[in-house]
C-alpha atoms as a PDB file:
ATOM      1  CA  MET A   1      97.275   3.408 112.614  1.00  0.00           C
ATOM      2  CA  LYS A   2      97.915   0.712 110.018  1.00  0.00           C
ATOM      3  CA  SER A   3      94.995   1.858 107.865  1.00  0.00           C
ATOM      4  CA  ARG A   4      96.498   5.363 107.706  1.00  0.00           C
ATOM      5  CA  LEU A   5      99.871   3.928 106.670  1.00  0.00           C
ATOM      6  CA  LEU A   6      98.161   1.766 104.056  1.00  0.00           C
ATOM      7  CA  ALA A   7      96.205   4.777 102.784  1.00  0.00           C
ATOM      8  CA  GLY A   8      99.464   6.739 102.544  1.00  0.00           C
ATOM      9  CA  ASN A   9     101.156   3.985 100.567  1.00  0.00           C
ATOM     10  CA  ILE A  10      98.191   3.671  98.209  1.00  0.00           C
ATOM     11  CA  ALA A  11      98.030   7.445  97.726  1.00  0.00           C
ATOM     12  CA  ILE A  12     101.737   7.694  96.902  1.00  0.00           C
ATOM     13  CA  ALA A  13     101.670   4.722  94.530  1.00  0.00           C
ATOM     14  CA  TRP A  14      98.532   5.864  92.729  1.00  0.00           C
ATOM     15  CA  GLY A  15      99.779   9.458  92.570  1.00  0.00           C
ATOM     16  CA  VAL A  16     102.949   8.327  90.800  1.00  0.00           C
ATOM     17  CA  LEU A  17     101.045   6.030  88.414  1.00  0.00           C
ATOM     18  CA  PHE A  18      98.437   8.723  87.810  1.00  0.00           C
ATOM     19  CA  ALA A  19     101.167  11.255  86.997  1.00  0.00           C
ATOM     20  CA  ILE A  20     102.890   8.866  84.588  1.00  0.00           C
ATOM     21  CA  GLY A  21      99.593   8.076  82.871  1.00  0.00           C
ATOM     22  CA  GLY A  22      98.636  11.725  82.673  1.00  0.00           C
ATOM     23  CA  ILE A  23     101.981  12.666  81.159  1.00  0.00           C
ATOM     24  CA  ALA A  24     101.872   9.748  78.720  1.00  0.00           C
ATOM     25  CA  LEU A  25      98.436  10.846  77.523  1.00  0.00           C
ATOM     26  CA  GLY A  26      99.013  14.579  77.872  1.00  0.00           C
ATOM     27  CA  VAL A  27     102.168  15.035  75.811  1.00  0.00           C
ATOM     28  CA  PRO A  28     100.633  13.690  72.571  1.00  0.00           C
ATOM     29  CA  ALA A  29      97.503  15.776  73.187  1.00  0.00           C
ATOM     30  CA  ILE A  30      99.608  18.900  73.669  1.00  0.00           C
ATOM     31  CA  VAL A  31     101.668  18.166  70.538  1.00  0.00           C
ATOM     32  CA  ARG A  32      98.541  17.534  68.482  1.00  0.00           C
ATOM     33  CA  ASN A  33      96.280  20.333  69.803  1.00  0.00           C
ATOM     34  CA  GLY A  34      98.668  22.923  71.231  1.00  0.00           C
ATOM     35  CA  ILE A  35      99.537  24.030  74.733  1.00  0.00           C
ATOM     36  CA  LEU A  36      96.459  26.234  75.131  1.00  0.00           C
ATOM     37  CA  SER A  37      93.900  23.572  74.285  1.00  0.00           C
ATOM     38  CA  GLY A  38      91.282  22.147  76.607  1.00  0.00           C
ATOM     39  CA  GLN A  39      92.994  18.768  76.603  1.00  0.00           C
ATOM     40  CA  ALA A  40      96.221  20.355  77.815  1.00  0.00           C
ATOM     41  CA  ALA A  41      94.353  22.061  80.648  1.00  0.00           C
ATOM     42  CA  PHE A  42      92.691  18.761  81.577  1.00  0.00           C
ATOM     43  CA  HIS A  43      96.019  16.941  81.722  1.00  0.00           C
ATOM     44  CA  LEU A  44      97.507  19.791  83.747  1.00  0.00           C
ATOM     45  CA  LEU A  45      94.639  19.333  86.212  1.00  0.00           C
ATOM     46  CA  LEU A  46      95.389  15.616  86.382  1.00  0.00           C
ATOM     47  CA  ALA A  47      99.075  16.340  87.056  1.00  0.00           C
ATOM     48  CA  VAL A  48      98.155  18.722  89.880  1.00  0.00           C
ATOM     49  CA  LEU A  49      95.810  16.122  91.396  1.00  0.00           C
ATOM     50  CA  ALA A  50      98.548  13.482  91.148  1.00  0.00           C
ATOM     51  CA  GLY A  51     100.980  15.800  92.906  1.00  0.00           C
ATOM     52  CA  LEU A  52      98.456  16.546  95.642  1.00  0.00           C
ATOM     53  CA  LEU A  53      97.801  12.844  96.068  1.00  0.00           C
ATOM     54  CA  CYS A  54     101.527  12.154  96.514  1.00  0.00           C
ATOM     55  CA  PHE A  55     101.780  15.069  98.953  1.00  0.00           C
ATOM     56  CA  ALA A  56      98.835  13.736 100.941  1.00  0.00           C
ATOM     57  CA  GLY A  57     100.284  10.223 100.940  1.00  0.00           C
ATOM     58  CA  VAL A  58     103.556  11.452 102.420  1.00  0.00           C
ATOM     59  CA  GLY A  59     101.582  13.449 104.971  1.00  0.00           C
ATOM     60  CA  LEU A  60      99.551  10.391 105.931  1.00  0.00           C
ATOM     61  CA  ARG A  61     102.715   8.414 106.504  1.00  0.00           C
ATOM     62  CA  ARG A  62     104.154  11.214 108.665  1.00  0.00           C
ATOM     63  CA  GLN A  63     100.919  11.612 110.693  1.00  0.00           C
ATOM     64  CA  SER A  64     100.253  15.149 109.440  1.00  0.00           C
ATOM     65  CA  ARG A  65      96.975  16.749 110.534  1.00  0.00           C
ATOM     66  CA  ALA A  66      96.169  18.233 107.127  1.00  0.00           C
ATOM     67  CA  ALA A  67      96.870  15.081 105.106  1.00  0.00           C
ATOM     68  CA  PRO A  68      93.521  13.343 105.677  1.00  0.00           C
ATOM     69  CA  VAL A  69      91.656  16.477 104.617  1.00  0.00           C
ATOM     70  CA  VAL A  70      93.741  16.845 101.441  1.00  0.00           C
ATOM     71  CA  THR A  71      93.303  13.140 100.686  1.00  0.00           C
ATOM     72  CA  LEU A  72      89.557  13.411 101.195  1.00  0.00           C
ATOM     73  CA  ALA A  73      89.310  16.483  98.955  1.00  0.00           C
ATOM     74  CA  VAL A  74      91.374  14.942  96.139  1.00  0.00           C
ATOM     75  CA  SER A  75      89.402  11.687  96.379  1.00  0.00           C
ATOM     76  CA  ILE A  76      86.095  13.541  96.084  1.00  0.00           C
ATOM     77  CA  ILE A  77      87.395  15.488  93.069  1.00  0.00           C
ATOM     78  CA  LEU A  78      88.556  12.249  91.404  1.00  0.00           C
ATOM     79  CA  ILE A  79      85.176  10.615  91.995  1.00  0.00           C
ATOM     80  CA  GLY A  80      83.424  13.682  90.568  1.00  0.00           C
ATOM     81  CA  LEU A  81      85.658  13.677  87.500  1.00  0.00           C
ATOM     82  CA  ALA A  82      84.964   9.973  86.929  1.00  0.00           C
ATOM     83  CA  ILE A  83      81.233  10.660  87.052  1.00  0.00           C
ATOM     84  CA  ALA A  84      81.530  13.603  84.645  1.00  0.00           C
ATOM     85  CA  ILE A  85      84.037  12.013  82.234  1.00  0.00           C
ATOM     86  CA  PRO A  86      83.847   8.196  81.990  1.00  0.00           C
ATOM     87  CA  ALA A  87      87.475   7.545  80.995  1.00  0.00           C
ATOM     88  CA  PRO A  88      89.181   4.314  82.125  1.00  0.00           C
ATOM     89  CA  LEU A  89      91.970   6.145  83.986  1.00  0.00           C
ATOM     90  CA  LEU A  90      89.438   8.266  85.849  1.00  0.00           C
ATOM     91  CA  LEU A  91      87.254   5.262  86.686  1.00  0.00           C
ATOM     92  CA  ALA A  92      90.248   3.519  88.221  1.00  0.00           C
ATOM     93  CA  SER A  93      91.079   6.710  90.113  1.00  0.00           C
ATOM     94  CA  ALA A  94      87.535   6.853  91.454  1.00  0.00           C
ATOM     95  CA  ALA A  95      87.896   3.301  92.760  1.00  0.00           C
ATOM     96  CA  ILE A  96      91.149   4.281  94.472  1.00  0.00           C
ATOM     97  CA  GLY A  97      89.420   7.378  95.854  1.00  0.00           C
ATOM     98  CA  VAL A  98      86.628   5.269  97.362  1.00  0.00           C
ATOM     99  CA  ALA A  99      89.220   2.947  98.915  1.00  0.00           C
ATOM    100  CA  LEU A 100      91.123   5.905 100.384  1.00  0.00           C
ATOM    101  CA  ILE A 101      87.942   7.393 101.824  1.00  0.00           C
ATOM    102  CA  GLY A 102      87.113   4.039 103.400  1.00  0.00           C
ATOM    103  CA  LEU A 103      90.579   3.691 104.918  1.00  0.00           C
ATOM    104  CA  LEU A 104      90.435   7.242 106.273  1.00  0.00           C
ATOM    105  CA  ALA A 105      86.965   6.684 107.732  1.00  0.00           C
ATOM    106  CA  VAL A 106      88.218   3.689 109.708  1.00  0.00           C
ATOM    107  CA  ASN A 107      90.951   5.762 111.321  1.00  0.00           C
ATOM    108  CA  TRP A 108      89.510   9.313 111.298  1.00  0.00           C
ATOM    109  CA  ASN A 109      89.565   9.902 115.087  1.00  0.00           C
ATOM    110  CA  ARG A 110      93.309   9.335 115.331  1.00  0.00           C
END
């Protein structure tokens, strides 16, 4: 029970920080390269993942049945992105993703 609450808190906190970082890096990229550039699409993807991570964190705190699955999916996507694109923000997100997967594995049956 406590590991799910901890995972929810971590997911919400990292989702907010991830969104702020994505916006802080995305706005200059959009201004420099245009709204239809690949960098804009990448930062839009990061914003969607941050939103999903916040949504999953709230669901984990409320004991939702779908929240662990969403958290697991977002964590796997973040780990895959960190492997494909070795950026510092993505590497930190992969570490958070591994921690979330570990916390969910401890409490998966409940």
